[in-house]
Amino acid sequence: MRLLVIDRDPGFTQVLTNRLDAVGWELRTIANPATVDALVTMRLNALVVDLAVIGPGSWEYLERVCARMPGLAVIVCTGPSSVAQRVRGLRLGADAWMTKPCHAEELICVVEAALRRHRRAEMPDLVQTTSVGELTIRPDLYQAYVSGQSLELTAREFEILQLLSQSDRVLRREEIYERVWGYAMAHGDRSVDVFVRKLRQKLRAGSPDWNYIHTHFGVGYRFAAEPDLEASAGATEHSPSLADTALLGV
């Protein structure tokens, strides 16, 4: 787990550091607000922020962070506040609001609870088995099959396949990344293309006569099970005709 704390209280952050080191979390603390782009590159699971550190633009900052990284668990941990302020923060997207002074152990439990909610939200619904083309998609087993043979998809490959197969439109690369990885895609990140390429290779190996994932250049990907006419034509060209069979004496 990767947690960032934006806070200027060294005693508080030291207590958190000692506690989280014991459970194997990766904790980073900073005393000044990081840009949203910087937060994206950190690939965080959770953020604890003291809005007093952010300053006058704290509400706008909180809104941008929550909108840009919907998979990030965001906990506001700040000084005394009004009911209106707490309600505003939660409506902007914060998962929880804690008032200082607070116990580090309680804050950690709040972070863990927020992470559990995010993980449940990211889990695919256990819908019934889907069969399309030669492909059978089993959400309950997190796997896809052709003629009963597993395609040996990784968890990430299956998540992409499941997401595409449940959509009836072209999905942008950025949207795929946000919904599968859980946060916004950094500029220049090619992870989606890499995983789609691996997924296609496995689909092609298991079901060579069908195309399932279609590229829309400059946009993203679309799922549709369509027979591969070129593959079928090639198979026909290489198959001996009746006349050829007669000549061969078969």
Protein backbone atom coordinates (compact mmCIF):
# COMPACT_ATOMS: atom_id res chain seq x y z
CA MET A 1 0.00 0.00 0.00
CA ARG A 2 1.32 3.45 -0.93
CA LEU A 3 0.14 6.31 1.27
CA LEU A 4 0.99 10.00 0.97
CA VAL A 5 0.48 12.37 3.90
CA ILE A 6 0.43 16.12 3.26
CA ASP A 7 0.97 17.59 6.72
CA ARG A 8 3.36 19.89 8.58
CA ASP A 9 3.15 18.25 12.01
CA PRO A 10 6.42 16.27 12.35
CA GLY A 11 5.33 14.51 15.54
CA PHE A 12 2.12 13.25 13.95
CA THR A 13 3.84 12.06 10.76
CA GLN A 14 6.58 10.33 12.76
CA VAL A 15 4.02 8.32 14.72
CA LEU A 16 2.36 7.31 11.44
CA THR A 17 5.71 6.37 9.94
CA ASN A 18 6.60 4.11 12.87
CA ARG A 19 3.21 2.40 12.81
CA LEU A 20 3.03 1.87 9.05
CA ASP A 21 6.61 0.62 8.81
CA ALA A 22 5.53 -2.20 11.10
CA VAL A 23 2.75 -3.30 8.74
CA GLY A 24 4.77 -2.91 5.54
CA TRP A 25 3.06 0.13 4.04
CA GLU A 26 5.02 2.56 1.92
CA LEU A 27 4.53 6.00 3.49
CA ARG A 28 5.67 9.32 2.08
CA THR A 29 5.16 12.63 3.88
CA ILE A 30 5.44 16.12 2.39
CA ALA A 31 4.92 19.53 3.97
CA ASN A 32 3.67 21.30 0.83
CA PRO A 33 0.90 20.40 -1.64
CA ALA A 34 1.94 18.32 -4.63
CA THR A 35 0.40 18.99 -8.01
CA VAL A 36 -2.30 16.62 -9.18
CA ASP A 37 0.00 15.42 -11.99
CA ALA A 38 2.66 14.64 -9.39
CA LEU A 39 0.15 12.65 -7.35
CA VAL A 40 -0.72 10.61 -10.44
CA THR A 41 2.90 9.65 -11.03
CA MET A 42 3.24 8.48 -7.40
CA ARG A 43 0.67 5.71 -8.05
CA LEU A 44 -0.88 6.07 -4.62
CA ASN A 45 -3.51 3.96 -2.92
CA ALA A 46 -4.46 6.59 -0.35
CA LEU A 47 -3.94 10.26 0.47
CA VAL A 48 -4.22 11.94 3.88
CA VAL A 49 -4.29 15.72 3.58
CA ASP A 50 -4.47 18.63 6.01
CA LEU A 51 -6.41 21.30 4.12
CA ALA A 52 -4.67 23.99 6.18
CA VAL A 53 -1.46 23.08 4.35
CA ILE A 54 -3.11 23.61 0.96
CA GLY A 55 -4.20 27.16 1.76
CA PRO A 56 -6.89 29.30 0.10
CA GLY A 57 -7.33 26.95 -2.85
CA SER A 58 -7.94 23.89 -0.70
CA TRP A 59 -11.50 23.21 -1.93
CA GLU A 60 -10.51 23.43 -5.58
CA TYR A 61 -7.47 21.23 -4.89
CA LEU A 62 -9.56 18.58 -3.13
CA GLU A 63 -12.11 18.56 -5.95
CA ARG A 64 -9.43 18.18 -8.64
CA VAL A 65 -7.69 15.34 -6.81
CA CYS A 66 -10.92 13.40 -6.27
CA ALA A 67 -12.11 13.93 -9.85
CA ARG A 68 -8.78 13.05 -11.44
CA MET A 69 -8.15 9.94 -9.32
CA PRO A 70 -11.48 8.26 -8.55
CA GLY A 71 -9.73 5.12 -7.29
CA LEU A 72 -7.72 7.01 -4.68
CA ALA A 73 -8.83 6.86 -1.05
CA VAL A 74 -8.80 10.48 0.18
CA ILE A 75 -8.99 11.31 3.89
CA VAL A 76 -9.04 14.89 5.11
CA CYS A 77 -7.32 15.18 8.48
CA THR A 78 -7.32 18.80 9.59
CA GLY A 79 -8.10 21.17 12.46
CA PRO A 80 -11.50 22.04 13.89
CA SER A 81 -14.12 22.68 11.23
CA SER A 82 -17.80 23.42 10.85
CA VAL A 83 -20.47 20.96 9.79
CA ALA A 84 -20.79 22.88 6.51
CA GLN A 85 -17.07 22.46 5.81
CA ARG A 86 -17.11 18.75 6.53
CA VAL A 87 -20.17 18.23 4.36
CA ARG A 88 -18.58 20.20 1.54
CA GLY A 89 -15.39 18.13 1.68
CA LEU A 90 -17.27 14.84 1.61
CA ARG A 91 -19.44 16.00 -1.28
CA LEU A 92 -16.35 16.98 -3.23
CA GLY A 93 -15.21 13.37 -3.04
CA ALA A 94 -13.30 12.84 0.20
CA ASP A 95 -13.87 9.39 1.71
CA ALA A 96 -13.64 10.58 5.30
CA TRP A 97 -13.03 13.68 7.40
CA MET A 98 -11.12 13.55 10.67
CA THR A 99 -10.52 16.37 13.13
CA LYS A 100 -7.14 16.98 14.77
CA PRO A 101 -5.93 16.07 17.25
CA CYS A 102 -6.64 12.43 16.49
CA HIS A 103 -5.02 9.12 17.30
CA ALA A 104 -2.77 7.70 14.59
CA GLU A 105 -4.27 4.22 15.03
CA GLU A 106 -7.76 5.58 14.41
CA LEU A 107 -6.60 7.37 11.26
CA ILE A 108 -5.02 4.17 9.96
CA CYS A 109 -8.28 2.30 10.52
CA VAL A 110 -10.18 4.98 8.61
CA VAL A 111 -7.72 4.69 5.73
CA GLU A 112 -8.08 0.91 5.70
CA ALA A 113 -11.88 1.18 5.65
CA ALA A 114 -11.72 3.59 2.70
CA LEU A 115 -9.39 1.25 0.84
CA ARG A 116 -11.76 -1.68 1.39
CA ARG A 117 -14.64 0.34 -0.06
CA HIS A 118 -12.59 1.23 -3.13
CA ARG A 119 -11.53 -2.37 -3.66
CA ARG A 120 -15.13 -3.57 -3.47
CA ALA A 121 -16.18 -0.89 -5.95
CA GLU A 122 -13.46 -1.99 -8.38
CA MET A 123 -14.39 -5.67 -8.23
CA PRO A 124 -16.37 -6.81 -11.27
CA ASP A 125 -19.93 -7.90 -10.69
CA LEU A 126 -20.23 -11.67 -10.64
CA VAL A 127 -22.50 -11.77 -13.63
CA GLN A 128 -23.43 -14.97 -15.40
CA THR A 129 -21.07 -16.64 -17.83
CA THR A 130 -20.91 -14.85 -21.18
CA SER A 131 -20.33 -16.69 -24.46
CA VAL A 132 -19.43 -14.74 -27.59
CA GLY A 133 -17.86 -16.12 -30.74
CA GLU A 134 -15.78 -19.05 -29.53
CA LEU A 135 -15.04 -17.31 -26.26
CA THR A 136 -16.54 -18.05 -22.85
CA ILE A 137 -15.96 -15.39 -20.18
CA ARG A 138 -16.20 -16.57 -16.56
CA PRO A 139 -16.21 -13.64 -14.08
CA ASP A 140 -16.56 -16.08 -11.19
CA LEU A 141 -13.25 -17.70 -12.14
CA TYR A 142 -11.59 -14.50 -13.41
CA GLN A 143 -10.76 -16.35 -16.62
CA ALA A 144 -11.77 -16.86 -20.27
CA TYR A 145 -12.01 -20.17 -22.13
CA VAL A 146 -12.22 -21.52 -25.69
CA SER A 147 -13.63 -25.05 -26.03
CA GLY A 148 -13.09 -25.55 -22.31
CA GLN A 149 -9.40 -24.57 -22.49
CA SER A 150 -8.25 -21.69 -20.33
CA LEU A 151 -6.55 -18.78 -22.09
CA GLU A 152 -4.42 -18.34 -18.95
CA LEU A 153 -5.20 -14.64 -18.67
CA THR A 154 -3.56 -12.62 -15.92
CA ALA A 155 -5.85 -10.72 -13.56
CA ARG A 156 -5.17 -7.43 -15.35
CA GLU A 157 -5.77 -8.97 -18.79
CA PHE A 158 -9.07 -10.41 -17.61
CA GLU A 159 -10.16 -7.09 -16.13
CA ILE A 160 -9.55 -5.37 -19.47
CA LEU A 161 -11.40 -8.11 -21.37
CA GLN A 162 -14.31 -7.96 -18.94
CA LEU A 163 -14.52 -4.18 -19.16
CA LEU A 164 -14.42 -4.13 -22.98
CA SER A 165 -16.88 -7.01 -23.37
CA GLN A 166 -19.44 -5.27 -21.15
CA SER A 167 -19.35 -2.04 -23.16
CA ASP A 168 -21.21 -1.38 -26.39
CA ARG A 169 -18.99 1.51 -27.44
CA VAL A 170 -15.40 2.50 -28.02
CA LEU A 171 -13.54 2.97 -24.73
CA ARG A 172 -10.80 5.55 -24.61
CA ARG A 173 -7.39 4.41 -23.36
CA GLU A 174 -7.65 6.90 -20.50
CA GLU A 175 -11.01 5.52 -19.46
CA ILE A 176 -9.77 1.92 -19.55
CA TYR A 177 -6.78 2.88 -17.43
CA GLU A 178 -8.85 4.76 -14.84
CA ARG A 179 -11.39 1.96 -14.49
CA VAL A 180 -8.88 -0.92 -14.38
CA TRP A 181 -5.89 0.63 -12.62
CA GLY A 182 -8.00 2.90 -10.40
CA TYR A 183 -6.38 6.27 -11.08
CA ALA A 184 -5.71 8.65 -13.96
CA MET A 185 -3.29 7.71 -16.70
CA ALA A 186 -0.04 9.66 -16.74
CA HIS A 187 0.97 11.36 -19.97
CA GLY A 188 2.83 8.95 -22.26
CA ASP A 189 1.85 5.83 -20.31
CA ARG A 190 1.42 2.93 -22.76
CA SER A 191 0.28 0.31 -20.24
CA VAL A 192 -3.16 -0.11 -21.83
CA ASP A 193 -1.68 -0.76 -25.27
CA VAL A 194 0.83 -3.24 -23.85
CA PHE A 195 -1.83 -5.25 -21.99
CA VAL A 196 -4.26 -5.16 -24.92
CA ARG A 197 -1.51 -6.52 -27.17
CA LYS A 198 -0.84 -9.40 -24.77
CA LEU A 199 -4.57 -10.06 -24.45
CA ARG A 200 -4.97 -10.14 -28.22
CA GLN A 201 -2.12 -12.61 -28.56
CA LYS A 202 -3.83 -15.01 -26.17
CA LEU A 203 -7.20 -14.57 -27.85
CA ARG A 204 -5.61 -15.19 -31.26
CA ALA A 205 -3.79 -18.29 -30.04
CA GLY A 206 -6.97 -19.77 -28.56
CA SER A 207 -9.45 -18.60 -31.21
CA PRO A 208 -7.54 -17.85 -34.43
CA ASP A 209 -10.62 -17.56 -36.66
CA TRP A 210 -12.19 -14.71 -34.68
CA ASN A 211 -11.37 -11.08 -33.94
CA TYR A 212 -12.54 -9.74 -30.59
CA ILE A 213 -10.77 -6.46 -29.82
CA HIS A 214 -10.76 -3.72 -32.45
CA THR A 215 -8.52 -0.65 -32.45
CA HIS A 216 -9.87 2.82 -33.12
CA PHE A 217 -6.66 4.69 -33.82
CA GLY A 218 -6.14 7.79 -31.73
CA VAL A 219 -9.12 6.91 -29.53
CA GLY A 220 -9.10 3.47 -27.92
CA TYR A 221 -10.60 0.00 -28.24
CA ARG A 222 -13.93 -1.68 -28.92
CA PHE A 223 -15.05 -5.26 -28.27
CA ALA A 224 -17.03 -7.20 -30.88
CA ALA A 225 -16.78 -10.89 -31.80
CA GLU A 226 -16.38 -11.00 -35.58
CA PRO A 227 -15.18 -13.88 -37.80
CA ASP A 228 -11.74 -13.25 -39.25
CA LEU A 229 -12.53 -13.35 -42.97
CA GLU A 230 -8.88 -13.13 -43.97
CA ALA A 231 -8.02 -16.16 -41.85
CA SER A 232 -10.97 -18.07 -43.31
CA ALA A 233 -9.99 -17.09 -46.85
CA GLY A 234 -6.42 -18.19 -46.22
CA ALA A 235 -7.60 -21.55 -44.93
CA THR A 236 -9.78 -21.99 -48.03
CA GLU A 237 -6.89 -21.12 -50.36
CA HIS A 238 -4.70 -23.74 -48.76
CA SER A 239 -7.37 -26.44 -48.70
CA PRO A 240 -7.25 -28.85 -51.69
CA SER A 241 -10.23 -28.61 -54.04
CA LEU A 242 -12.17 -31.69 -55.23
CA ALA A 243 -10.30 -31.57 -58.54
CA ASP A 244 -6.96 -31.39 -56.76
CA THR A 245 -7.98 -34.32 -54.59
CA ALA A 246 -8.87 -36.39 -57.64
CA LEU A 247 -5.54 -35.60 -59.30
CA LEU A 248 -3.71 -36.61 -56.14
CA GLY A 249 -5.60 -39.90 -56.15
CA VAL A 250 -7.03 -39.29 -52.69
